[in-house]
Amino acid sequence: MEYANDEIFKIRYNTNLNRLELKGESWIKKFNKIIKKNKLLVSTIIALIVLINVNIVMIFAFMKNLQAI
């Protein structure tokens, strides 16, 4: 039963400090929480990145066409 509680509550024993410690959240879990909380902001940022990339590709294609003339 102790093993199950340790896994559920993420409790670890620190031998150096001689006490129990809670394991912190990983950065991936924090990032997922931010994405779930701010869906509009994240979707706007993703759309902006995609449109910037499309714009750069179109500019390079246009410059290549100008050089061919």
PDB file of N, CA and C in Angstrom:
ATOM      1  N   MET A   1       0.817  -1.188   0.000  1.00  0.00           N
ATOM      2  CA  MET A   1       0.000   0.000   0.000  1.00  0.00           C
ATOM      3  C   MET A   1       0.866   1.259   0.000  1.00  0.00           C
ATOM      4  N   GLU A   2       1.984   1.202   0.688  1.00  0.00           N
ATOM      5  CA  GLU A   2       2.882   2.359   0.732  1.00  0.00           C
ATOM      6  C   GLU A   2       3.413   2.695  -0.666  1.00  0.00           C
ATOM      7  N   TYR A   3       3.711   1.661  -1.435  1.00  0.00           N
ATOM      8  CA  TYR A   3       4.220   1.892  -2.788  1.00  0.00           C
ATOM      9  C   TYR A   3       3.180   2.603  -3.636  1.00  0.00           C
ATOM     10  N   ALA A   4       1.927   2.194  -3.506  1.00  0.00           N
ATOM     11  CA  ALA A   4       0.847   2.811  -4.277  1.00  0.00           C
ATOM     12  C   ALA A   4       0.679   4.281  -3.891  1.00  0.00           C
ATOM     13  N   ASN A   5       0.737   4.583  -2.613  1.00  0.00           N
ATOM     14  CA  ASN A   5       0.613   5.973  -2.177  1.00  0.00           C
ATOM     15  C   ASN A   5       1.777   6.816  -2.674  1.00  0.00           C
ATOM     16  N   ASP A   6       2.981   6.244  -2.663  1.00  0.00           N
ATOM     17  CA  ASP A   6       4.144   6.987  -3.145  1.00  0.00           C
ATOM     18  C   ASP A   6       4.006   7.325  -4.623  1.00  0.00           C
ATOM     19  N   GLU A   7       3.476   6.394  -5.399  1.00  0.00           N
ATOM     20  CA  GLU A   7       3.324   6.639  -6.830  1.00  0.00           C
ATOM     21  C   GLU A   7       2.206   7.627  -7.122  1.00  0.00           C
ATOM     22  N   ILE A   8       1.127   7.555  -6.374  1.00  0.00           N
ATOM     23  CA  ILE A   8      -0.005   8.450  -6.614  1.00  0.00           C
ATOM     24  C   ILE A   8       0.341   9.876  -6.221  1.00  0.00           C
ATOM     25  N   PHE A   9       0.912  10.068  -5.061  1.00  0.00           N
ATOM     26  CA  PHE A   9       1.209  11.406  -4.564  1.00  0.00           C
ATOM     27  C   PHE A   9       2.607  11.887  -4.928  1.00  0.00           C
ATOM     28  N   LYS A  10       3.403  11.046  -5.594  1.00  0.00           N
ATOM     29  CA  LYS A  10       4.759  11.372  -6.039  1.00  0.00           C
ATOM     30  C   LYS A  10       5.621  11.846  -4.863  1.00  0.00           C
ATOM     31  N   ILE A  11       5.626  11.038  -3.804  1.00  0.00           N
ATOM     32  CA  ILE A  11       6.395  11.349  -2.605  1.00  0.00           C
ATOM     33  C   ILE A  11       7.716  10.591  -2.666  1.00  0.00           C
ATOM     34  N   ARG A  12       8.807  11.260  -2.383  1.00  0.00           N
ATOM     35  CA  ARG A  12      10.129  10.639  -2.353  1.00  0.00           C
ATOM     36  C   ARG A  12      10.808  10.997  -1.040  1.00  0.00           C
ATOM     37  N   TYR A  13      11.636  10.096  -0.569  1.00  0.00           N
ATOM     38  CA  TYR A  13      12.370  10.332   0.665  1.00  0.00           C
ATOM     39  C   TYR A  13      13.755  10.837   0.331  1.00  0.00           C
ATOM     40  N   ASN A  14      14.125  11.987   0.857  1.00  0.00           N
ATOM     41  CA  ASN A  14      15.434  12.569   0.632  1.00  0.00           C
ATOM     42  C   ASN A  14      16.326  12.192   1.815  1.00  0.00           C
ATOM     43  N   THR A  15      17.333  11.344   1.555  1.00  0.00           N
ATOM     44  CA  THR A  15      18.194  10.882   2.642  1.00  0.00           C
ATOM     45  C   THR A  15      19.136  11.975   3.130  1.00  0.00           C
ATOM     46  N   ASN A  16      19.509  12.897   2.256  1.00  0.00           N
ATOM     47  CA  ASN A  16      20.416  13.981   2.664  1.00  0.00           C
ATOM     48  C   ASN A  16      19.741  14.930   3.652  1.00  0.00           C
ATOM     49  N   LEU A  17      18.486  15.263   3.385  1.00  0.00           N
ATOM     50  CA  LEU A  17      17.758  16.190   4.266  1.00  0.00           C
ATOM     51  C   LEU A  17      16.956  15.462   5.332  1.00  0.00           C
ATOM     52  N   ASN A  18      16.861  14.145   5.228  1.00  0.00           N
ATOM     53  CA  ASN A  18      16.165  13.304   6.195  1.00  0.00           C
ATOM     54  C   ASN A  18      14.690  13.689   6.318  1.00  0.00           C
ATOM     55  N   ARG A  19      14.018  13.828   5.151  1.00  0.00           N
ATOM     56  CA  ARG A  19      12.591  14.140   5.160  1.00  0.00           C
ATOM     57  C   ARG A  19      11.952  13.704   3.838  1.00  0.00           C
ATOM     58  N   LEU A  20      10.632  13.720   3.831  1.00  0.00           N
ATOM     59  CA  LEU A  20       9.880  13.402   2.628  1.00  0.00           C
ATOM     60  C   LEU A  20       9.750  14.658   1.771  1.00  0.00           C
ATOM     61  N   GLU A  21       9.766  14.461   0.443  1.00  0.00           N
ATOM     62  CA  GLU A  21       9.616  15.578  -0.471  1.00  0.00           C
ATOM     63  C   GLU A  21       8.626  15.217  -1.558  1.00  0.00           C
ATOM     64  N   LEU A  22       7.867  16.205  -2.001  1.00  0.00           N
ATOM     65  CA  LEU A  22       6.969  16.017  -3.125  1.00  0.00           C
ATOM     66  C   LEU A  22       7.735  16.277  -4.407  1.00  0.00           C
ATOM     67  N   LYS A  23       7.513  15.426  -5.386  1.00  0.00           N
ATOM     68  CA  LYS A  23       8.170  15.592  -6.677  1.00  0.00           C
ATOM     69  C   LYS A  23       7.436  16.669  -7.470  1.00  0.00           C
ATOM     70  N   GLY A  24       8.167  17.607  -8.039  1.00  0.00           N
ATOM     71  CA  GLY A  24       7.565  18.697  -8.799  1.00  0.00           C
ATOM     72  C   GLY A  24       7.100  18.251 -10.171  1.00  0.00           C
ATOM     73  N   GLU A  25       6.294  19.099 -10.807  1.00  0.00           N
ATOM     74  CA  GLU A  25       5.796  18.813 -12.140  1.00  0.00           C
ATOM     75  C   GLU A  25       6.908  18.982 -13.165  1.00  0.00           C
ATOM     76  N   SER A  26       6.857  18.176 -14.197  1.00  0.00           N
ATOM     77  CA  SER A  26       7.832  18.323 -15.265  1.00  0.00           C
ATOM     78  C   SER A  26       7.416  19.497 -16.158  1.00  0.00           C
ATOM     79  N   TRP A  27       8.348  19.977 -16.959  1.00  0.00           N
ATOM     80  CA  TRP A  27       8.059  21.127 -17.808  1.00  0.00           C
ATOM     81  C   TRP A  27       7.068  20.763 -18.900  1.00  0.00           C
ATOM     82  N   ILE A  28       6.995  19.493 -19.278  1.00  0.00           N
ATOM     83  CA  ILE A  28       6.042  19.067 -20.307  1.00  0.00           C
ATOM     84  C   ILE A  28       4.617  19.171 -19.779  1.00  0.00           C
ATOM     85  N   LYS A  29       4.412  18.758 -18.529  1.00  0.00           N
ATOM     86  CA  LYS A  29       3.078  18.860 -17.941  1.00  0.00           C
ATOM     87  C   LYS A  29       2.663  20.320 -17.761  1.00  0.00           C
ATOM     88  N   LYS A  30       3.601  21.175 -17.371  1.00  0.00           N
ATOM     89  CA  LYS A  30       3.296  22.595 -17.229  1.00  0.00           C
ATOM     90  C   LYS A  30       2.933  23.197 -18.583  1.00  0.00           C
ATOM     91  N   PHE A  31       3.675  22.816 -19.628  1.00  0.00           N
ATOM     92  CA  PHE A  31       3.420  23.315 -20.977  1.00  0.00           C
ATOM     93  C   PHE A  31       2.047  22.864 -21.466  1.00  0.00           C
ATOM     94  N   ASN A  32       1.693  21.605 -21.190  1.00  0.00           N
ATOM     95  CA  ASN A  32       0.373  21.104 -21.576  1.00  0.00           C
ATOM     96  C   ASN A  32      -0.742  21.850 -20.855  1.00  0.00           C
ATOM     97  N   LYS A  33      -0.537  22.193 -19.588  1.00  0.00           N
ATOM     98  CA  LYS A  33      -1.539  22.967 -18.850  1.00  0.00           C
ATOM     99  C   LYS A  33      -1.734  24.342 -19.479  1.00  0.00           C
ATOM    100  N   ILE A  34      -0.636  24.981 -19.872  1.00  0.00           N
ATOM    101  CA  ILE A  34      -0.719  26.307 -20.490  1.00  0.00           C
ATOM    102  C   ILE A  34      -1.474  26.227 -21.807  1.00  0.00           C
ATOM    103  N   ILE A  35      -1.191  25.182 -22.594  1.00  0.00           N
ATOM    104  CA  ILE A  35      -1.871  25.024 -23.882  1.00  0.00           C
ATOM    105  C   ILE A  35      -3.364  24.807 -23.676  1.00  0.00           C
ATOM    106  N   LYS A  36      -3.737  23.965 -22.718  1.00  0.00           N
ATOM    107  CA  LYS A  36      -5.153  23.702 -22.469  1.00  0.00           C
ATOM    108  C   LYS A  36      -5.873  24.930 -21.931  1.00  0.00           C
ATOM    109  N   LYS A  37      -5.171  25.742 -21.162  1.00  0.00           N
ATOM    110  CA  LYS A  37      -5.793  26.917 -20.556  1.00  0.00           C
ATOM    111  C   LYS A  37      -5.959  28.055 -21.568  1.00  0.00           C
ATOM    112  N   ASN A  38      -4.996  28.220 -22.477  1.00  0.00           N
ATOM    113  CA  ASN A  38      -4.984  29.351 -23.411  1.00  0.00           C
ATOM    114  C   ASN A  38      -5.068  28.866 -24.853  1.00  0.00           C
ATOM    115  N   LYS A  39      -6.150  28.230 -25.214  1.00  0.00           N
ATOM    116  CA  LYS A  39      -6.289  27.654 -26.559  1.00  0.00           C
ATOM    117  C   LYS A  39      -6.303  28.721 -27.641  1.00  0.00           C
ATOM    118  N   LEU A  40      -6.963  29.833 -27.394  1.00  0.00           N
ATOM    119  CA  LEU A  40      -7.040  30.895 -28.405  1.00  0.00           C
ATOM    120  C   LEU A  40      -5.663  31.492 -28.667  1.00  0.00           C
ATOM    121  N   LEU A  41      -4.918  31.761 -27.615  1.00  0.00           N
ATOM    122  CA  LEU A  41      -3.585  32.328 -27.770  1.00  0.00           C
ATOM    123  C   LEU A  41      -2.654  31.369 -28.506  1.00  0.00           C
ATOM    124  N   VAL A  42      -2.700  30.100 -28.144  1.00  0.00           N
ATOM    125  CA  VAL A  42      -1.829  29.108 -28.775  1.00  0.00           C
ATOM    126  C   VAL A  42      -2.192  28.932 -30.239  1.00  0.00           C
ATOM    127  N   SER A  43      -3.480  28.869 -30.559  1.00  0.00           N
ATOM    128  CA  SER A  43      -3.881  28.710 -31.961  1.00  0.00           C
ATOM    129  C   SER A  43      -3.507  29.944 -32.779  1.00  0.00           C
ATOM    130  N   THR A  44      -3.579  31.121 -32.188  1.00  0.00           N
ATOM    131  CA  THR A  44      -3.169  32.348 -32.873  1.00  0.00           C
ATOM    132  C   THR A  44      -1.668  32.334 -33.159  1.00  0.00           C
ATOM    133  N   ILE A  45      -0.892  31.909 -32.205  1.00  0.00           N
ATOM    134  CA  ILE A  45       0.564  31.851 -32.385  1.00  0.00           C
ATOM    135  C   ILE A  45       0.934  30.833 -33.460  1.00  0.00           C
ATOM    136  N   ILE A  46       0.276  29.674 -33.458  1.00  0.00           N
ATOM    137  CA  ILE A  46       0.553  28.652 -34.474  1.00  0.00           C
ATOM    138  C   ILE A  46       0.184  29.167 -35.861  1.00  0.00           C
ATOM    139  N   ALA A  47      -0.973  29.818 -35.979  1.00  0.00           N
ATOM    140  CA  ALA A  47      -1.388  30.381 -37.267  1.00  0.00           C
ATOM    141  C   ALA A  47      -0.397  31.446 -37.732  1.00  0.00           C
ATOM    142  N   LEU A  48       0.084  32.262 -36.820  1.00  0.00           N
ATOM    143  CA  LEU A  48       1.058  33.299 -37.164  1.00  0.00           C
ATOM    144  C   LEU A  48       2.355  32.679 -37.689  1.00  0.00           C
ATOM    145  N   ILE A  49       2.831  31.638 -37.043  1.00  0.00           N
ATOM    146  CA  ILE A  49       4.062  30.971 -37.472  1.00  0.00           C
ATOM    147  C   ILE A  49       3.891  30.360 -38.857  1.00  0.00           C
ATOM    148  N   VAL A  50       2.745  29.720 -39.094  1.00  0.00           N
ATOM    149  CA  VAL A  50       2.492  29.116 -40.412  1.00  0.00           C
ATOM    150  C   VAL A  50       2.440  30.189 -41.487  1.00  0.00           C
ATOM    151  N   LEU A  51       1.753  31.281 -41.225  1.00  0.00           N
ATOM    152  CA  LEU A  51       1.644  32.345 -42.226  1.00  0.00           C
ATOM    153  C   LEU A  51       2.990  33.028 -42.489  1.00  0.00           C
ATOM    154  N   ILE A  52       3.812  33.182 -41.481  1.00  0.00           N
ATOM    155  CA  ILE A  52       5.153  33.747 -41.679  1.00  0.00           C
ATOM    156  C   ILE A  52       5.979  32.836 -42.577  1.00  0.00           C
ATOM    157  N   ASN A  53       5.893  31.522 -42.348  1.00  0.00           N
ATOM    158  CA  ASN A  53       6.641  30.580 -43.180  1.00  0.00           C
ATOM    159  C   ASN A  53       6.154  30.596 -44.618  1.00  0.00           C
ATOM    160  N   VAL A  54       4.850  30.661 -44.824  1.00  0.00           N
ATOM    161  CA  VAL A  54       4.305  30.727 -46.186  1.00  0.00           C
ATOM    162  C   VAL A  54       4.761  32.010 -46.862  1.00  0.00           C
ATOM    163  N   ASN A  55       4.771  33.104 -46.154  1.00  0.00           N
ATOM    164  CA  ASN A  55       5.210  34.382 -46.700  1.00  0.00           C
ATOM    165  C   ASN A  55       6.677  34.319 -47.136  1.00  0.00           C
ATOM    166  N   ILE A  56       7.528  33.728 -46.320  1.00  0.00           N
ATOM    167  CA  ILE A  56       8.952  33.620 -46.658  1.00  0.00           C
ATOM    168  C   ILE A  56       9.136  32.769 -47.906  1.00  0.00           C
ATOM    169  N   VAL A  57       8.428  31.653 -47.994  1.00  0.00           N
ATOM    170  CA  VAL A  57       8.535  30.781 -49.168  1.00  0.00           C
ATOM    171  C   VAL A  57       8.072  31.512 -50.421  1.00  0.00           C
ATOM    172  N   MET A  58       6.988  32.263 -50.330  1.00  0.00           N
ATOM    173  CA  MET A  58       6.493  33.002 -51.491  1.00  0.00           C
ATOM    174  C   MET A  58       7.468  34.106 -51.910  1.00  0.00           C
ATOM    175  N   ILE A  59       8.105  34.769 -50.971  1.00  0.00           N
ATOM    176  CA  ILE A  59       9.090  35.808 -51.308  1.00  0.00           C
ATOM    177  C   ILE A  59      10.283  35.191 -52.034  1.00  0.00           C
ATOM    178  N   PHE A  60      10.781  34.047 -51.529  1.00  0.00           N
ATOM    179  CA  PHE A  60      11.904  33.400 -52.206  1.00  0.00           C
ATOM    180  C   PHE A  60      11.515  32.908 -53.594  1.00  0.00           C
ATOM    181  N   ALA A  61      10.308  32.405 -53.764  1.00  0.00           N
ATOM    182  CA  ALA A  61       9.853  31.969 -55.087  1.00  0.00           C
ATOM    183  C   ALA A  61       9.756  33.160 -56.039  1.00  0.00           C
ATOM    184  N   PHE A  62       9.276  34.280 -55.546  1.00  0.00           N
ATOM    185  CA  PHE A  62       9.185  35.483 -56.370  1.00  0.00           C
ATOM    186  C   PHE A  62      10.572  35.975 -56.779  1.00  0.00           C
ATOM    187  N   MET A  63      11.516  35.972 -55.847  1.00  0.00           N
ATOM    188  CA  MET A  63      12.872  36.394 -56.177  1.00  0.00           C
ATOM    189  C   MET A  63      13.510  35.447 -57.189  1.00  0.00           C
ATOM    190  N   LYS A  64      13.229  34.174 -57.067  1.00  0.00           N
ATOM    191  CA  LYS A  64      13.766  33.202 -58.037  1.00  0.00           C
ATOM    192  C   LYS A  64      13.184  33.456 -59.421  1.00  0.00           C
ATOM    193  N   ASN A  65      11.893  33.787 -59.489  1.00  0.00           N
ATOM    194  CA  ASN A  65      11.272  34.110 -60.785  1.00  0.00           C
ATOM    195  C   ASN A  65      11.858  35.386 -61.374  1.00  0.00           C
ATOM    196  N   LEU A  66      12.139  36.379 -60.537  1.00  0.00           N
ATOM    197  CA  LEU A  66      12.750  37.617 -61.030  1.00  0.00           C
ATOM    198  C   LEU A  66      14.159  37.377 -61.567  1.00  0.00           C
ATOM    199  N   GLN A  67      14.904  36.501 -60.937  1.00  0.00           N
ATOM    200  CA  GLN A  67      16.263  36.203 -61.395  1.00  0.00           C
ATOM    201  C   GLN A  67      16.250  35.445 -62.707  1.00  0.00           C
ATOM    202  N   ALA A  68      15.180  34.692 -62.974  1.00  0.00           N
ATOM    203  CA  ALA A  68      15.099  33.913 -64.202  1.00  0.00           C
ATOM    204  C   ALA A  68      14.787  34.819 -65.406  1.00  0.00           C
ATOM    205  N   ILE A  69      14.236  36.006 -65.179  1.00  0.00           N
ATOM    206  CA  ILE A  69      13.879  36.912 -66.281  1.00  0.00           C
ATOM    207  C   ILE A  69      15.083  37.538 -66.892  1.00  0.00           C
TER     208      ILE A  69
END
